[in-house]
Amino acid sequence: GKRETYYADSVKGRFAISEDYAEQTMYLEMNSLKAED
């Protein structure tokens, strides 16, 4: 509703959360993955 996102410091700049209302699905795009992920 507010279209705001929040991230843990450990993933900020690498991960992106989003949602698709039409598909009733939320997503987590994960890039530059590290072993600690």
All heavy atoms as atom14 arrays in JSON, in Angstrom:
{
  "sequence": "GKRETYYADSVKGRFAISEDYAEQTMYLEMNSLKAED",
  "atom14_mask": [
    [1, 1, 1, 1, 0, 0, 0, 0, 0, 0, 0, 0, 0, 0],
    [1, 1, 1, 1, 1, 1, 1, 1, 1, 0, 0, 0, 0, 0],
    [1, 1, 1, 1, 1, 1, 1, 1, 1, 1, 1, 0, 0, 0],
    [1, 1, 1, 1, 1, 1, 1, 1, 1, 0, 0, 0, 0, 0],
    [1, 1, 1, 1, 1, 1, 1, 0, 0, 0, 0, 0, 0, 0],
    [1, 1, 1, 1, 1, 1, 1, 1, 1, 1, 1, 1, 0, 0],
    [1, 1, 1, 1, 1, 1, 1, 1, 1, 1, 1, 1, 0, 0],
    [1, 1, 1, 1, 1, 0, 0, 0, 0, 0, 0, 0, 0, 0],
    [1, 1, 1, 1, 1, 1, 1, 1, 0, 0, 0, 0, 0, 0],
    [1, 1, 1, 1, 1, 1, 0, 0, 0, 0, 0, 0, 0, 0],
    [1, 1, 1, 1, 1, 1, 1, 0, 0, 0, 0, 0, 0, 0],
    [1, 1, 1, 1, 1, 1, 1, 1, 1, 0, 0, 0, 0, 0],
    [1, 1, 1, 1, 0, 0, 0, 0, 0, 0, 0, 0, 0, 0],
    [1, 1, 1, 1, 1, 1, 1, 1, 1, 1, 1, 0, 0, 0],
    [1, 1, 1, 1, 1, 1, 1, 1, 1, 1, 1, 0, 0, 0],
    [1, 1, 1, 1, 1, 0, 0, 0, 0, 0, 0, 0, 0, 0],
    [1, 1, 1, 1, 1, 1, 1, 1, 0, 0, 0, 0, 0, 0],
    [1, 1, 1, 1, 1, 1, 0, 0, 0, 0, 0, 0, 0, 0],
    [1, 1, 1, 1, 1, 1, 1, 1, 1, 0, 0, 0, 0, 0],
    [1, 1, 1, 1, 1, 1, 1, 1, 0, 0, 0, 0, 0, 0],
    [1, 1, 1, 1, 1, 1, 1, 1, 1, 1, 1, 1, 0, 0],
    [1, 1, 1, 1, 1, 0, 0, 0, 0, 0, 0, 0, 0, 0],
    [1, 1, 1, 1, 1, 1, 1, 1, 1, 0, 0, 0, 0, 0],
    [1, 1, 1, 1, 1, 1, 1, 1, 1, 0, 0, 0, 0, 0],
    [1, 1, 1, 1, 1, 1, 1, 0, 0, 0, 0, 0, 0, 0],
    [1, 1, 1, 1, 1, 1, 1, 1, 0, 0, 0, 0, 0, 0],
    [1, 1, 1, 1, 1, 1, 1, 1, 1, 1, 1, 1, 0, 0],
    [1, 1, 1, 1, 1, 1, 1, 1, 0, 0, 0, 0, 0, 0],
    [1, 1, 1, 1, 1, 1, 1, 1, 1, 0, 0, 0, 0, 0],
    [1, 1, 1, 1, 1, 1, 1, 1, 0, 0, 0, 0, 0, 0],
    [1, 1, 1, 1, 1, 1, 1, 1, 0, 0, 0, 0, 0, 0],
    [1, 1, 1, 1, 1, 1, 0, 0, 0, 0, 0, 0, 0, 0],
    [1, 1, 1, 1, 1, 1, 1, 1, 0, 0, 0, 0, 0, 0],
    [1, 1, 1, 1, 1, 1, 1, 1, 1, 0, 0, 0, 0, 0],
    [1, 1, 1, 1, 1, 0, 0, 0, 0, 0, 0, 0, 0, 0],
    [1, 1, 1, 1, 1, 1, 1, 1, 1, 0, 0, 0, 0, 0],
    [1, 1, 1, 1, 1, 1, 1, 1, 0, 0, 0, 0, 0, 0]
  ],
  "atom14_positions": [
    [[0.81, -1.21, 0.0], [0.0, 0.0, 0.0], [0.84, 1.26, 0.0], [0.55, 2.21, -0.73], [0.0, 0.0, 0.0], [0.0, 0.0, 0.0], [0.0, 0.0, 0.0], [0.0, 0.0, 0.0], [0.0, 0.0, 0.0], [0.0, 0.0, 0.0], [0.0, 0.0, 0.0], [0.0, 0.0, 0.0], [0.0, 0.0, 0.0], [0.0, 0.0, 0.0]],
    [[1.88, 1.28, 0.82], [2.76, 2.44, 0.92], [3.88, 2.39, -0.11], [4.58, 3.38, -0.31], [3.34, 2.54, 2.32], [2.31, 2.75, 3.41], [2.98, 2.85, 4.78], [1.96, 3.08, 5.87], [2.59, 3.18, 7.21], [0.0, 0.0, 0.0], [0.0, 0.0, 0.0], [0.0, 0.0, 0.0], [0.0, 0.0, 0.0], [0.0, 0.0, 0.0]],
    [[4.08, 1.23, -0.74], [5.13, 1.01, -1.73], [6.5, 1.35, -1.17], [7.31, 2.03, -1.81], [4.83, 1.8, -3.0], [3.54, 1.33, -3.67], [3.23, 2.11, -4.92], [1.99, 1.62, -5.54], [1.46, 2.12, -6.64], [2.06, 3.13, -7.27], [0.33, 1.62, -7.13], [0.0, 0.0, 0.0], [0.0, 0.0, 0.0], [0.0, 0.0, 0.0]],
    [[6.76, 0.85, 0.04], [8.04, 1.03, 0.7], [8.71, -0.32, 0.9], [8.03, -1.32, 1.13], [7.86, 1.72, 2.05], [7.28, 3.12, 1.95], [7.02, 3.74, 3.31], [6.97, 3.0, 4.31], [6.87, 4.97, 3.38], [0.0, 0.0, 0.0], [0.0, 0.0, 0.0], [0.0, 0.0, 0.0], [0.0, 0.0, 0.0], [0.0, 0.0, 0.0]],
    [[10.02, -0.35, 0.81], [10.78, -1.58, 1.02], [11.86, -1.36, 2.07], [12.35, -0.24, 2.25], [11.43, -2.08, -0.28], [12.3, -1.06, -0.8], [10.37, -2.41, -1.32], [0.0, 0.0, 0.0], [0.0, 0.0, 0.0], [0.0, 0.0, 0.0], [0.0, 0.0, 0.0], [0.0, 0.0, 0.0], [0.0, 0.0, 0.0], [0.0, 0.0, 0.0]],
    [[12.24, -2.46, 2.75], [13.26, -2.41, 3.79], [14.16, -3.63, 3.63], [13.68, -4.71, 3.29], [12.63, -2.39, 5.18], [11.63, -1.28, 5.38], [10.28, -1.47, 5.08], [12.03, -0.04, 5.86], [9.36, -0.45, 5.25], [11.11, 0.99, 6.04], [9.78, 0.77, 5.74], [8.87, 1.79, 5.91], [0.0, 0.0, 0.0], [0.0, 0.0, 0.0]],
    [[15.46, -3.46, 3.91], [16.41, -4.55, 3.74], [17.38, -4.64, 4.91], [17.74, -3.63, 5.52], [17.23, -4.34, 2.46], [16.42, -4.36, 1.2], [15.9, -3.18, 0.67], [16.16, -5.56, 0.55], [15.13, -3.2, -0.49], [15.39, -5.58, -0.61], [14.88, -4.41, -1.12], [14.13, -4.42, -2.27], [0.0, 0.0, 0.0], [0.0, 0.0, 0.0]],
    [[17.79, -5.88, 5.21], [18.85, -6.08, 6.18], [20.14, -5.52, 5.6], [20.35, -5.54, 4.38], [19.01, -7.57, 6.49], [0.0, 0.0, 0.0], [0.0, 0.0, 0.0], [0.0, 0.0, 0.0], [0.0, 0.0, 0.0], [0.0, 0.0, 0.0], [0.0, 0.0, 0.0], [0.0, 0.0, 0.0], [0.0, 0.0, 0.0], [0.0, 0.0, 0.0]],
    [[21.02, -5.02, 6.46], [22.27, -4.44, 6.0], [23.09, -5.44, 5.18], [23.8, -5.05, 4.24], [23.1, -3.95, 7.18], [22.5, -2.72, 7.84], [21.67, -2.04, 7.21], [22.88, -2.44, 9.0], [0.0, 0.0, 0.0], [0.0, 0.0, 0.0], [0.0, 0.0, 0.0], [0.0, 0.0, 0.0], [0.0, 0.0, 0.0], [0.0, 0.0, 0.0]],
    [[23.01, -6.72, 5.53], [23.8, -7.74, 4.88], [23.41, -8.0, 3.42], [24.2, -8.56, 2.66], [23.73, -9.06, 5.66], [22.39, -9.52, 5.74], [0.0, 0.0, 0.0], [0.0, 0.0, 0.0], [0.0, 0.0, 0.0], [0.0, 0.0, 0.0], [0.0, 0.0, 0.0], [0.0, 0.0, 0.0], [0.0, 0.0, 0.0], [0.0, 0.0, 0.0]],
    [[22.21, -7.59, 3.01], [21.75, -7.85, 1.64], [21.44, -6.58, 0.87], [21.18, -6.64, -0.35], [20.51, -8.76, 1.62], [20.77, -10.04, 2.4], [19.29, -8.03, 2.18], [0.0, 0.0, 0.0], [0.0, 0.0, 0.0], [0.0, 0.0, 0.0], [0.0, 0.0, 0.0], [0.0, 0.0, 0.0], [0.0, 0.0, 0.0], [0.0, 0.0, 0.0]],
    [[21.49, -5.44, 1.51], [21.15, -4.18, 0.86], [22.06, -3.92, -0.34], [23.27, -4.05, -0.25], [21.26, -3.03, 1.86], [20.67, -1.72, 1.36], [20.64, -0.67, 2.46], [19.96, 0.61, 2.0], [19.89, 1.62, 3.09], [0.0, 0.0, 0.0], [0.0, 0.0, 0.0], [0.0, 0.0, 0.0], [0.0, 0.0, 0.0], [0.0, 0.0, 0.0]],
    [[21.46, -3.58, -1.47], [22.2, -3.35, -2.69], [22.37, -4.59, -3.54], [22.76, -4.49, -4.7], [0.0, 0.0, 0.0], [0.0, 0.0, 0.0], [0.0, 0.0, 0.0], [0.0, 0.0, 0.0], [0.0, 0.0, 0.0], [0.0, 0.0, 0.0], [0.0, 0.0, 0.0], [0.0, 0.0, 0.0], [0.0, 0.0, 0.0], [0.0, 0.0, 0.0]],
    [[22.06, -5.78, -2.98], [22.18, -7.03, -3.71], [20.84, -7.71, -3.94], [20.64, -8.37, -4.96], [23.11, -8.0, -2.97], [24.53, -7.48, -2.77], [25.45, -8.56, -2.2], [25.02, -8.99, -0.87], [24.64, -10.23, -0.57], [24.64, -11.18, -1.51], [24.29, -10.54, 0.68], [0.0, 0.0, 0.0], [0.0, 0.0, 0.0], [0.0, 0.0, 0.0]],
    [[19.92, -7.58, -2.98], [18.61, -8.22, -3.06], [17.54, -7.18, -3.34], [17.68, -6.01, -2.98], [18.26, -8.93, -1.75], [19.08, -10.15, -1.45], [20.22, -10.47, -2.16], [18.69, -10.99, -0.41], [20.97, -11.59, -1.86], [19.41, -12.12, -0.1], [20.56, -12.43, -0.82], [0.0, 0.0, 0.0], [0.0, 0.0, 0.0], [0.0, 0.0, 0.0]],
    [[16.44, -7.61, -3.97], [15.31, -6.72, -4.24], [14.0, -7.47, -4.02], [13.77, -8.51, -4.63], [15.38, -6.18, -5.65], [0.0, 0.0, 0.0], [0.0, 0.0, 0.0], [0.0, 0.0, 0.0], [0.0, 0.0, 0.0], [0.0, 0.0, 0.0], [0.0, 0.0, 0.0], [0.0, 0.0, 0.0], [0.0, 0.0, 0.0], [0.0, 0.0, 0.0]],
    [[13.15, -6.94, -3.15], [11.84, -7.53, -2.9], [10.8, -6.8, -3.75], [10.88, -5.59, -3.95], [11.48, -7.47, -1.4], [10.2, -8.24, -1.11], [11.37, -6.02, -0.92], [9.9, -8.39, 0.38], [0.0, 0.0, 0.0], [0.0, 0.0, 0.0], [0.0, 0.0, 0.0], [0.0, 0.0, 0.0], [0.0, 0.0, 0.0], [0.0, 0.0, 0.0]],
    [[9.82, -7.55, -4.26], [8.77, -6.96, -5.07], [7.51, -7.81, -4.98], [7.53, -8.91, -4.42], [9.22, -6.83, -6.53], [9.49, -8.1, -7.09], [0.0, 0.0, 0.0], [0.0, 0.0, 0.0], [0.0, 0.0, 0.0], [0.0, 0.0, 0.0], [0.0, 0.0, 0.0], [0.0, 0.0, 0.0], [0.0, 0.0, 0.0], [0.0, 0.0, 0.0]],
    [[6.41, -7.31, -5.53], [5.17, -8.06, -5.55], [4.4, -7.78, -6.84], [4.53, -6.71, -7.43], [4.3, -7.74, -4.33], [4.03, -6.25, -4.09], [2.89, -5.69, -4.92], [2.06, -6.48, -5.4], [2.84, -4.46, -5.09], [0.0, 0.0, 0.0], [0.0, 0.0, 0.0], [0.0, 0.0, 0.0], [0.0, 0.0, 0.0], [0.0, 0.0, 0.0]],
    [[3.62, -8.77, -7.27], [2.81, -8.66, -8.48], [1.37, -8.94, -8.07], [1.0, -10.09, -7.81], [3.28, -9.66, -9.53], [2.58, -9.48, -10.87], [1.38, -9.15, -10.88], [3.23, -9.68, -11.91], [0.0, 0.0, 0.0], [0.0, 0.0, 0.0], [0.0, 0.0, 0.0], [0.0, 0.0, 0.0], [0.0, 0.0, 0.0], [0.0, 0.0, 0.0]],
    [[0.55, -7.9, -8.02], [-0.82, -8.04, -7.55], [-1.64, -8.95, -8.48], [-2.41, -9.79, -8.01], [-1.49, -6.67, -7.46], [-2.92, -6.72, -6.99], [-3.22, -6.91, -5.65], [-3.97, -6.59, -7.89], [-4.53, -6.97, -5.21], [-5.29, -6.64, -7.46], [-5.56, -6.84, -6.12], [-6.86, -6.89, -5.69], [0.0, 0.0, 0.0], [0.0, 0.0, 0.0]],
    [[-1.47, -8.79, -9.79], [-2.23, -9.59, -10.75], [-1.94, -11.08, -10.6], [-2.83, -11.91, -10.77], [-1.93, -9.13, -12.17], [0.0, 0.0, 0.0], [0.0, 0.0, 0.0], [0.0, 0.0, 0.0], [0.0, 0.0, 0.0], [0.0, 0.0, 0.0], [0.0, 0.0, 0.0], [0.0, 0.0, 0.0], [0.0, 0.0, 0.0], [0.0, 0.0, 0.0]],
    [[-0.69, -11.43, -10.3], [-0.29, -12.82, -10.16], [-0.39, -13.31, -8.72], [-0.17, -14.5, -8.46], [1.13, -13.02, -10.67], [1.3, -12.75, -12.15], [0.54, -13.74, -13.01], [0.36, -14.89, -12.57], [0.12, -13.37, -14.12], [0.0, 0.0, 0.0], [0.0, 0.0, 0.0], [0.0, 0.0, 0.0], [0.0, 0.0, 0.0], [0.0, 0.0, 0.0]],
    [[-0.69, -12.4, -7.79], [-0.78, -12.75, -6.38], [0.5, -13.47, -5.93], [0.47, -14.54, -5.3], [-2.01, -13.6, -6.09], [-3.32, -12.81, -6.15], [-3.45, -11.84, -4.99], [-3.74, -12.22, -3.85], [-3.23, -10.55, -5.26], [0.0, 0.0, 0.0], [0.0, 0.0, 0.0], [0.0, 0.0, 0.0], [0.0, 0.0, 0.0], [0.0, 0.0, 0.0]],
    [[1.64, -12.86, -6.26], [2.93, -13.44, -5.97], [3.9, -12.36, -5.5], [3.91, -11.25, -6.04], [3.52, -14.13, -7.21], [2.6, -15.1, -7.7], [4.83, -14.83, -6.87], [0.0, 0.0, 0.0], [0.0, 0.0, 0.0], [0.0, 0.0, 0.0], [0.0, 0.0, 0.0], [0.0, 0.0, 0.0], [0.0, 0.0, 0.0], [0.0, 0.0, 0.0]],
    [[4.72, -12.68, -4.5], [5.8, -11.79, -4.1], [7.12, -12.45, -4.46], [7.21, -13.68, -4.55], [5.75, -11.46, -2.6], [5.82, -12.65, -1.67], [5.69, -12.18, 0.08], [7.24, -11.33, 0.31], [0.0, 0.0, 0.0], [0.0, 0.0, 0.0], [0.0, 0.0, 0.0], [0.0, 0.0, 0.0], [0.0, 0.0, 0.0], [0.0, 0.0, 0.0]],
    [[8.16, -11.64, -4.67], [9.44, -12.13, -5.16], [10.6, -11.61, -4.34], [10.51, -10.58, -3.66], [9.65, -11.7, -6.61], [8.57, -12.13, -7.56], [7.51, -11.27, -7.87], [8.59, -13.38, -8.15], [6.51, -11.66, -8.75], [7.6, -13.78, -9.03], [6.56, -12.92, -9.32], [5.57, -13.3, -10.19], [0.0, 0.0, 0.0], [0.0, 0.0, 0.0]],
    [[11.72, -12.33, -4.43], [12.98, -11.87, -3.87], [14.06, -12.13, -4.91], [14.44, -13.28, -5.14], [13.32, -12.58, -2.56], [14.6, -12.08, -1.87], [14.38, -10.66, -1.35], [15.0, -13.01, -0.73], [0.0, 0.0, 0.0], [0.0, 0.0, 0.0], [0.0, 0.0, 0.0], [0.0, 0.0, 0.0], [0.0, 0.0, 0.0], [0.0, 0.0, 0.0]],
    [[14.52, -11.06, -5.57], [15.63, -11.16, -6.52], [16.93, -11.1, -5.73], [17.15, -10.15, -4.99], [15.57, -10.01, -7.52], [14.42, -10.1, -8.51], [14.76, -10.9, -9.74], [15.84, -11.53, -9.78], [13.95, -10.91, -10.69], [0.0, 0.0, 0.0], [0.0, 0.0, 0.0], [0.0, 0.0, 0.0], [0.0, 0.0, 0.0], [0.0, 0.0, 0.0]],
    [[17.78, -12.11, -5.89], [19.04, -12.18, -5.16], [20.19, -12.16, -6.16], [20.29, -13.04, -7.01], [19.09, -13.44, -4.3], [17.93, -13.56, -3.32], [18.1, -14.97, -2.21], [17.94, -16.32, -3.4], [0.0, 0.0, 0.0], [0.0, 0.0, 0.0], [0.0, 0.0, 0.0], [0.0, 0.0, 0.0], [0.0, 0.0, 0.0], [0.0, 0.0, 0.0]],
    [[21.04, -11.16, -6.06], [22.18, -10.99, -6.94], [23.48, -10.96, -6.15], [23.47, -10.73, -4.95], [22.04, -9.7, -7.76], [20.75, -9.62, -8.53], [19.92, -8.73, -8.3], [20.55, -10.55, -9.45], [0.0, 0.0, 0.0], [0.0, 0.0, 0.0], [0.0, 0.0, 0.0], [0.0, 0.0, 0.0], [0.0, 0.0, 0.0], [0.0, 0.0, 0.0]],
    [[24.59, -11.16, -6.85], [25.92, -11.15, -6.21], [25.92, -12.01, -4.96], [26.4, -11.6, -3.9], [26.33, -9.71, -5.88], [26.37, -8.92, -7.05], [0.0, 0.0, 0.0], [0.0, 0.0, 0.0], [0.0, 0.0, 0.0], [0.0, 0.0, 0.0], [0.0, 0.0, 0.0], [0.0, 0.0, 0.0], [0.0, 0.0, 0.0], [0.0, 0.0, 0.0]],
    [[25.41, -13.22, -5.06], [25.26, -14.1, -3.91], [26.6, -14.49, -3.3], [27.59, -14.67, -4.01], [24.48, -15.35, -4.3], [22.97, -15.13, -4.46], [22.34, -16.27, -5.23], [22.32, -14.99, -3.09], [0.0, 0.0, 0.0], [0.0, 0.0, 0.0], [0.0, 0.0, 0.0], [0.0, 0.0, 0.0], [0.0, 0.0, 0.0], [0.0, 0.0, 0.0]],
    [[26.61, -14.6, -1.98], [27.78, -14.98, -1.21], [27.51, -16.28, -0.47], [26.35, -16.64, -0.25], [28.13, -13.87, -0.2], [28.31, -12.5, -0.8], [28.51, -11.46, 0.3], [28.67, -10.07, -0.28], [28.83, -9.06, 0.8], [0.0, 0.0, 0.0], [0.0, 0.0, 0.0], [0.0, 0.0, 0.0], [0.0, 0.0, 0.0], [0.0, 0.0, 0.0]],
    [[28.56, -16.96, -0.05], [28.41, -18.22, 0.68], [27.57, -18.02, 1.94], [26.79, -18.9, 2.31], [29.78, -18.79, 1.03], [0.0, 0.0, 0.0], [0.0, 0.0, 0.0], [0.0, 0.0, 0.0], [0.0, 0.0, 0.0], [0.0, 0.0, 0.0], [0.0, 0.0, 0.0], [0.0, 0.0, 0.0], [0.0, 0.0, 0.0], [0.0, 0.0, 0.0]],
    [[27.71, -16.87, 2.59], [26.97, -16.61, 3.81], [25.47, -16.39, 3.58], [24.7, -16.28, 4.54], [27.56, -15.42, 4.58], [27.76, -14.18, 3.73], [29.17, -14.05, 3.2], [29.74, -15.06, 2.74], [29.72, -12.92, 3.24], [0.0, 0.0, 0.0], [0.0, 0.0, 0.0], [0.0, 0.0, 0.0], [0.0, 0.0, 0.0], [0.0, 0.0, 0.0]],
    [[25.04, -16.32, 2.32], [23.62, -16.22, 2.0], [22.94, -17.58, 2.03], [21.71, -17.66, 1.93], [23.41, -15.59, 0.63], [23.84, -14.13, 0.58], [23.57, -13.39, 1.55], [24.43, -13.72, -0.44], [0.0, 0.0, 0.0], [0.0, 0.0, 0.0], [0.0, 0.0, 0.0], [0.0, 0.0, 0.0], [0.0, 0.0, 0.0], [0.0, 0.0, 0.0]]
  ]
}
